[in-house]
């Protein structure tokens, strides 16, 4: 997929596939990213112009190729359907669980529980990136995550483990302890050494968009066009990662729900999530328990936002998003099974 264009600039056209799923697939429909979703039309977007619905066959060849090509597995996990990434915060100040899994034993127990519930990946982080949070020294972050990784990596039935970090020294220690994916909320802009390490080690990376750093990112975030602006920023980061030696087949993109975005920005990104398939990479959405879900649902307690989080996860899955980063693994997995059974008209084994 190397060479997919960034499609940036005021006169560029962007194409958001109008994604569908199910057996009523007409002849000539295009498969989305080589999976079960398909589309016959796309929404053509351009800055300063009204959106226009066009036949998929009218898209330029580079867009058609990027949108339809099958995605390579990530850390050994197939990307031909929605996969669940369980969140394991080994921090004392996470917004979502209040430090419930801070400490080795609690974190290991929760990681094992998510694996048993059917998580396809685990994402371990030792630095809170909630709005207003302070940076954590690399040594403290490393010391939080490495013992947990070592314990979980010793389990034979453990799914692949991702390390959620911005820092090369933490990534190096985590990989030595068994991590096989780097999830960087700064998209390789925080630590210049991280891209080189990932390239040298042959590690897949997830590049996330954020406007500002966690301390200040929710201080009046603004965009001319949030969907196209985030797309262009991620396109530039994908190109930079490739330049550093990381192949596009080893890159996941994340629009960064809640990272320097208002409620309206988050909704625009979720509604337009299928656009990001145009980058030719698997797409990750991490909206679980975030503040906008509380605003819309009226639920002030993040730990009680599972219903809203599952609703958003299903909406993302309907847009063909390959990785759903979530807290509530068993509940989301059950919801996905029901959604897939309804959309396909049958359940497995029946």
Protein backbone atom coordinates (compact mmCIF):
# COMPACT_ATOMS: atom_id res chain seq x y z
CA UNK A 1 0.00 0.00 0.00
CA UNK A 2 3.02 2.30 -0.10
CA UNK A 3 2.40 5.37 -2.22
CA UNK A 4 -1.22 6.05 -1.22
CA UNK A 5 -1.59 9.80 -1.44
CA UNK A 6 -2.34 12.10 1.47
CA UNK A 7 -5.05 13.83 -0.61
CA UNK A 8 -4.37 17.08 1.22
CA UNK A 9 -4.95 20.65 0.16
CA UNK A 10 -7.93 22.97 -0.28
CA UNK A 11 -8.99 21.52 -3.66
CA UNK A 12 -8.46 17.84 -2.87
CA UNK A 13 -11.27 15.36 -3.14
CA UNK A 14 -11.82 12.80 -0.39
CA UNK A 15 -14.07 9.76 -0.62
CA UNK A 16 -15.95 8.32 2.32
CA UNK A 17 -17.43 4.93 1.40
CA UNK A 18 -21.10 4.50 2.33
CA UNK A 19 -20.56 1.23 4.13
CA UNK A 20 -23.08 -1.60 4.16
CA UNK A 21 -23.12 -5.18 5.39
CA UNK A 22 -25.30 -8.21 4.84
CA UNK A 23 -26.46 -10.63 2.17
CA UNK A 24 -28.25 -8.05 -0.03
CA UNK A 25 -24.98 -7.22 -1.77
CA UNK A 26 -25.51 -6.18 -5.39
CA UNK A 27 -23.25 -7.32 -8.22
CA UNK A 28 -20.26 -5.05 -8.61
CA UNK A 29 -20.22 -3.85 -5.01
CA UNK A 30 -16.74 -3.13 -3.69
CA UNK A 31 -15.44 -5.00 -0.65
CA UNK A 32 -14.24 -2.65 2.08
CA UNK A 33 -10.67 -3.42 3.14
CA UNK A 34 -11.07 -7.02 2.02
CA UNK A 35 -13.66 -7.75 4.72
CA UNK A 36 -17.38 -8.48 4.95
CA UNK A 37 -18.46 -4.85 4.54
CA UNK A 38 -19.11 -3.46 1.08
CA UNK A 39 -20.10 -0.25 -0.68
CA UNK A 40 -21.53 0.83 -4.00
CA UNK A 41 -21.33 4.61 -3.48
CA UNK A 42 -19.15 7.10 -1.67
CA UNK A 43 -19.52 10.60 -0.33
CA UNK A 44 -17.15 12.95 -2.14
CA UNK A 45 -15.88 15.60 0.27
CA UNK A 46 -14.00 18.81 -0.46
CA UNK A 47 -13.24 21.79 1.73
CA UNK A 48 -15.63 24.63 1.08
CA UNK A 49 -18.02 22.52 -1.02
CA UNK A 50 -21.16 20.57 -0.26
CA UNK A 51 -20.76 16.78 -0.02
CA UNK A 52 -21.79 14.81 -3.11
CA UNK A 53 -22.78 11.16 -3.43
CA UNK A 54 -21.00 9.43 -6.31
CA UNK A 55 -20.83 5.83 -7.58
CA UNK A 56 -17.88 3.92 -6.19
CA UNK A 57 -16.74 3.22 -9.74
CA UNK A 58 -16.23 6.97 -10.21
CA UNK A 59 -13.52 7.16 -7.54
CA UNK A 60 -9.90 7.69 -8.60
CA UNK A 61 -7.82 4.52 -8.78
CA UNK A 62 -5.69 5.37 -5.74
CA UNK A 63 -8.74 5.80 -3.54
CA UNK A 64 -10.34 2.62 -4.87
CA UNK A 65 -7.17 0.65 -4.17
CA UNK A 66 -6.74 2.04 -0.66
CA UNK A 67 -10.37 1.45 0.29
CA UNK A 68 -10.70 -2.08 -1.04
CA UNK A 69 -7.32 -3.81 -0.51
CA UNK A 70 -7.27 -6.43 2.24
CA UNK A 71 -5.43 -5.37 5.38
CA UNK A 72 -2.47 -7.35 6.66
CA UNK A 73 -2.76 -8.96 10.11
CA UNK A 74 -1.65 -6.81 13.05
CA UNK A 75 0.52 -8.59 15.62
CA UNK A 76 -0.79 -11.84 14.17
CA UNK A 77 -4.46 -10.83 14.47
CA UNK A 78 -6.53 -10.93 11.27
CA UNK A 79 -8.12 -7.62 10.27
CA UNK A 80 -11.03 -9.10 8.28
CA UNK A 81 -13.58 -8.16 10.95
CA UNK A 82 -13.95 -6.14 14.16
CA UNK A 83 -11.41 -7.09 16.82
CA UNK A 84 -11.56 -6.17 20.50
CA UNK A 85 -8.59 -4.55 22.23
CA UNK A 86 -9.00 -4.72 26.00
CA UNK A 87 -7.72 -1.71 27.94
CA UNK A 88 -5.45 -2.40 30.91
CA UNK A 89 -4.49 0.80 32.72
CA UNK A 90 -1.68 0.20 35.20
CA UNK A 91 -2.01 3.72 36.58
CA UNK A 92 -3.27 5.32 39.80
CA UNK A 93 -5.18 8.11 38.02
CA UNK A 94 -6.98 6.73 34.96
CA UNK A 95 -10.23 8.55 34.22
CA UNK A 96 -12.05 5.31 33.38
CA UNK A 97 -11.35 3.05 36.34
CA UNK A 98 -9.84 5.28 39.02
CA UNK A 99 -6.73 3.18 39.46
CA UNK A 100 -8.66 -0.05 40.06
CA UNK A 101 -5.88 -2.03 38.32
CA UNK A 102 -2.91 -0.11 39.65
CA UNK A 103 -0.39 -2.63 40.94
CA UNK A 104 0.90 -5.87 39.50
CA UNK A 105 -1.51 -8.38 40.99
CA UNK A 106 -4.69 -6.44 40.24
CA UNK A 107 -3.51 -5.65 36.71
CA UNK A 108 -2.53 -9.25 35.95
CA UNK A 109 -5.88 -10.54 37.23
CA UNK A 110 -7.79 -8.06 35.10
CA UNK A 111 -5.68 -8.83 32.02
CA UNK A 112 -6.40 -12.53 32.43
CA UNK A 113 -10.10 -11.81 32.88
CA UNK A 114 -10.25 -9.81 29.65
CA UNK A 115 -8.36 -12.54 27.80
CA UNK A 116 -10.81 -15.15 29.10
CA UNK A 117 -13.72 -12.93 28.03
CA UNK A 118 -12.47 -13.00 24.44
CA UNK A 119 -10.22 -9.98 23.92
CA UNK A 120 -8.28 -10.26 20.66
CA UNK A 121 -5.57 -7.92 21.94
CA UNK A 122 -4.64 -6.31 25.24
CA UNK A 123 -3.34 -2.74 25.48
CA UNK A 124 -1.25 -2.03 28.58
CA UNK A 125 -0.44 1.53 29.60
CA UNK A 126 1.46 3.00 32.52
CA UNK A 127 0.85 6.71 31.86
CA UNK A 128 -2.59 8.28 32.08
CA UNK A 129 -3.37 10.49 29.08
CA UNK A 130 -6.73 11.72 30.38
CA UNK A 131 -7.44 15.44 29.87
CA UNK A 132 -5.37 17.52 32.30
CA UNK A 133 -2.98 14.71 33.23
CA UNK A 134 0.71 15.30 33.88
CA UNK A 135 3.49 13.42 32.13
CA UNK A 136 4.96 10.41 33.93
CA UNK A 137 8.74 9.84 34.04
CA UNK A 138 9.78 7.05 31.69
CA UNK A 139 11.32 4.99 34.49
CA UNK A 140 8.12 5.06 36.56
CA UNK A 141 6.03 4.16 33.52
CA UNK A 142 8.37 1.30 32.67
CA UNK A 143 8.32 -0.04 36.20
CA UNK A 144 4.52 -0.10 36.20
CA UNK A 145 4.08 -2.07 33.01
CA UNK A 146 7.00 -4.48 32.77
CA UNK A 147 6.08 -6.75 35.71
CA UNK A 148 2.53 -7.04 34.38
CA UNK A 149 3.74 -7.84 30.88
CA UNK A 150 6.14 -10.48 32.13
CA UNK A 151 3.39 -12.21 34.10
CA UNK A 152 0.82 -12.10 31.30
CA UNK A 153 3.31 -13.13 28.64
CA UNK A 154 3.86 -16.35 30.55
CA UNK A 155 0.25 -17.43 29.96
CA UNK A 156 -0.15 -19.76 26.98
CA UNK A 157 -3.64 -18.51 26.11
CA UNK A 158 -2.85 -14.78 26.23
CA UNK A 159 -3.67 -12.71 23.11
CA UNK A 160 -1.05 -10.37 21.63
CA UNK A 161 -0.20 -7.47 23.94
CA UNK A 162 0.24 -3.85 22.92
CA UNK A 163 2.22 -1.29 24.88
CA UNK A 164 0.49 2.10 25.10
CA UNK A 165 3.41 4.52 25.33
CA UNK A 166 4.98 7.60 23.76
CA UNK A 167 8.50 6.75 24.91
CA UNK A 168 11.16 4.57 23.30
CA UNK A 169 12.71 3.41 26.57
CA UNK A 170 9.33 2.13 27.75
CA UNK A 171 8.61 0.46 24.42
CA UNK A 172 12.00 -1.26 24.43
CA UNK A 173 11.46 -2.68 27.91
CA UNK A 174 7.88 -3.68 27.11
CA UNK A 175 8.86 -5.48 23.93
CA UNK A 176 11.59 -7.33 25.83
CA UNK A 177 8.84 -8.40 28.25
CA UNK A 178 6.55 -9.64 25.48
CA UNK A 179 4.68 -6.73 23.86
CA UNK A 180 4.30 -7.04 20.08
CA UNK A 181 2.59 -3.75 19.13
CA UNK A 182 3.28 -0.11 20.03
CA UNK A 183 0.26 2.16 20.50
CA UNK A 184 1.45 5.77 20.52
CA UNK A 185 -1.06 8.54 21.29
CA UNK A 186 1.50 11.01 19.92
CA UNK A 187 1.92 9.19 16.58
CA UNK A 188 5.73 9.09 16.91
CA UNK A 189 6.03 12.86 17.50
CA UNK A 190 6.87 12.81 21.24
CA UNK A 191 10.09 10.77 21.24
CA UNK A 192 12.24 10.82 18.08
CA UNK A 193 13.81 7.49 19.06
CA UNK A 194 10.54 5.56 19.06
CA UNK A 195 10.07 5.40 15.28
CA UNK A 196 13.62 4.13 14.77
CA UNK A 197 13.15 1.46 17.43
CA UNK A 198 9.86 0.24 15.94
CA UNK A 199 11.37 0.12 12.45
CA UNK A 200 14.46 -1.74 13.60
CA UNK A 201 12.43 -4.23 15.65
CA UNK A 202 9.85 -4.76 12.90
CA UNK A 203 7.02 -3.73 15.24
CA UNK A 204 3.57 -2.67 14.07
CA UNK A 205 2.51 0.73 15.41
CA UNK A 206 -0.76 2.53 16.01
CA UNK A 207 -0.62 6.23 15.17
CA UNK A 208 -3.22 8.35 16.95
CA UNK A 209 -4.26 11.93 16.26
CA UNK A 210 -4.28 14.41 19.13
CA UNK A 211 -4.53 18.18 19.14
CA UNK A 212 -2.19 19.32 21.89
CA UNK A 213 -0.80 17.24 24.74
CA UNK A 214 -2.95 15.60 27.44
CA UNK A 215 -2.39 18.49 29.87
CA UNK A 216 -3.97 21.10 27.59
CA UNK A 217 -5.72 19.25 24.77
CA UNK A 218 -9.27 20.04 25.94
CA UNK A 219 -8.61 23.77 26.25
CA UNK A 220 -10.93 25.01 23.47
CA UNK A 221 -9.93 22.63 20.63
CA UNK A 222 -10.78 24.00 17.18
CA UNK A 223 -10.64 22.78 13.56
CA UNK A 224 -11.61 24.25 10.20
CA UNK A 225 -12.88 20.78 9.23
CA UNK A 226 -12.25 18.14 11.87
CA UNK A 227 -12.79 15.09 9.65
CA UNK A 228 -10.55 16.23 6.79
CA UNK A 229 -8.05 17.85 9.12
CA UNK A 230 -7.56 14.69 11.14
CA UNK A 231 -7.35 12.65 7.93
CA UNK A 232 -4.61 14.87 6.52
CA UNK A 233 -2.66 14.83 9.79
CA UNK A 234 -2.77 11.04 9.97
CA UNK A 235 -1.80 10.78 6.30
CA UNK A 236 1.28 12.88 7.05
CA UNK A 237 2.15 10.72 10.07
CA UNK A 238 1.76 7.52 8.04
CA UNK A 239 4.11 8.96 5.44
CA UNK A 240 6.60 9.91 8.18
CA UNK A 241 6.44 6.41 9.66
CA UNK A 242 7.10 4.90 6.23
CA UNK A 243 10.03 7.27 5.77
CA UNK A 244 11.38 5.99 9.09
CA UNK A 245 11.25 2.42 7.81
CA UNK A 246 7.88 1.21 9.11
CA UNK A 247 5.87 -0.33 6.26
CA UNK A 248 2.27 0.73 5.74
CA UNK A 249 1.27 -2.90 6.33
CA UNK A 250 2.53 -2.43 9.90
CA UNK A 251 0.58 0.77 10.64
CA UNK A 252 -2.80 1.22 12.33
CA UNK A 253 -4.48 4.66 12.41
CA UNK A 254 -6.64 6.11 15.17
CA UNK A 255 -8.58 9.41 14.84
CA UNK A 256 -8.12 10.03 18.57
CA UNK A 257 -11.63 10.33 19.94
CA UNK A 258 -11.53 12.65 22.97
CA UNK A 259 -7.98 13.86 22.39
CA UNK A 260 -8.37 17.57 21.69
CA UNK A 261 -11.97 17.30 20.50
CA UNK A 262 -15.36 18.64 21.55
CA UNK A 263 -18.48 16.49 21.63
CA UNK A 264 -19.33 17.73 18.13
CA UNK A 265 -15.83 16.89 16.87
CA UNK A 266 -16.06 13.36 18.28
CA UNK A 267 -19.44 12.77 16.66
CA UNK A 268 -18.20 14.07 13.30
CA UNK A 269 -15.23 11.69 13.41
CA UNK A 270 -17.38 8.71 14.36
CA UNK A 271 -19.96 9.52 11.71
CA UNK A 272 -17.21 9.85 9.10
CA UNK A 273 -14.98 7.04 10.36
CA UNK A 274 -15.09 5.13 7.07
CA UNK A 275 -13.05 7.93 5.46
CA UNK A 276 -9.97 6.74 7.34
CA UNK A 277 -9.96 3.47 5.38
CA UNK A 278 -8.61 5.66 2.57
CA UNK A 279 -5.25 5.63 4.34
CA UNK A 280 -4.86 1.95 3.46
CA UNK A 281 -4.38 0.89 7.09
CA UNK A 282 -6.53 -0.82 9.71
CA UNK A 283 -8.53 1.72 11.72
CA UNK A 284 -8.75 1.76 15.51
CA UNK A 285 -11.42 3.61 17.47
CA UNK A 286 -11.03 4.12 21.21
CA UNK A 287 -14.14 5.83 22.55
CA UNK A 288 -14.87 3.60 25.53
CA UNK A 289 -16.19 5.43 28.64
CA UNK A 290 -15.01 8.81 27.36
CA UNK A 291 -16.44 12.13 28.42
CA UNK A 292 -18.66 12.76 25.41
CA UNK A 293 -20.50 9.50 26.18
CA UNK A 294 -21.20 10.87 29.64
CA UNK A 295 -22.39 14.20 28.23
CA UNK A 296 -24.81 12.58 25.78
CA UNK A 297 -26.03 9.78 28.07
CA UNK A 298 -26.09 11.82 31.26
CA UNK A 299 -23.92 9.25 33.07
CA UNK A 300 -21.36 11.05 35.21
CA UNK A 301 -19.55 7.91 36.41
CA UNK A 302 -17.16 6.59 33.71
CA UNK A 303 -17.40 3.05 35.11
CA UNK A 304 -21.16 3.07 34.38
CA UNK A 305 -20.84 4.10 30.71
CA UNK A 306 -20.77 0.57 29.28
CA UNK A 307 -24.15 0.93 27.46
CA UNK A 308 -23.06 4.12 25.70
CA UNK A 309 -19.62 2.70 24.99
CA UNK A 310 -21.12 -0.42 23.40
CA UNK A 311 -23.44 1.71 21.26
CA UNK A 312 -20.46 3.67 19.94
CA UNK A 313 -18.46 0.47 19.37
CA UNK A 314 -21.28 -0.98 17.27
CA UNK A 315 -21.52 2.24 15.28
CA UNK A 316 -17.78 2.06 14.60
CA UNK A 317 -18.03 -1.61 13.63
CA UNK A 318 -20.77 -0.69 11.16
CA UNK A 319 -18.26 1.68 9.51
CA UNK A 320 -15.80 -1.19 9.06
CA UNK A 321 -13.47 -0.18 11.90
CA UNK A 322 -11.16 -3.13 12.52
CA UNK A 323 -10.03 -2.54 16.13
CA UNK A 324 -12.32 -1.42 18.95
CA UNK A 325 -10.35 -0.35 22.02
CA UNK A 326 -12.68 -1.03 24.94
CA UNK A 327 -12.99 -1.62 28.68
CA UNK A 328 -16.01 -3.93 28.78
CA UNK A 329 -14.84 -6.95 26.80
CA UNK A 330 -17.50 -9.57 27.56
CA UNK A 331 -20.38 -7.14 27.10
CA UNK A 332 -19.03 -5.70 23.85
CA UNK A 333 -18.25 -9.16 22.47
CA UNK A 334 -21.84 -10.29 23.14
CA UNK A 335 -23.23 -7.15 21.50
CA UNK A 336 -21.02 -7.67 18.44
CA UNK A 337 -22.20 -11.27 18.08
CA UNK A 338 -25.83 -10.15 18.10
CA UNK A 339 -25.16 -7.30 15.68
CA UNK A 340 -23.35 -9.64 13.30
CA UNK A 341 -26.12 -12.26 13.55
CA UNK A 342 -28.77 -9.69 12.72
CA UNK A 343 -26.82 -8.11 9.86
CA UNK A 344 -25.99 -11.49 8.33
CA UNK A 345 -29.39 -13.04 9.05
CA UNK A 346 -27.92 -16.03 10.86
CA UNK A 347 -25.79 -16.99 13.83
CA UNK A 348 -22.73 -19.23 13.84
CA UNK A 349 -23.70 -22.88 14.11
CA UNK A 350 -27.32 -22.40 13.03
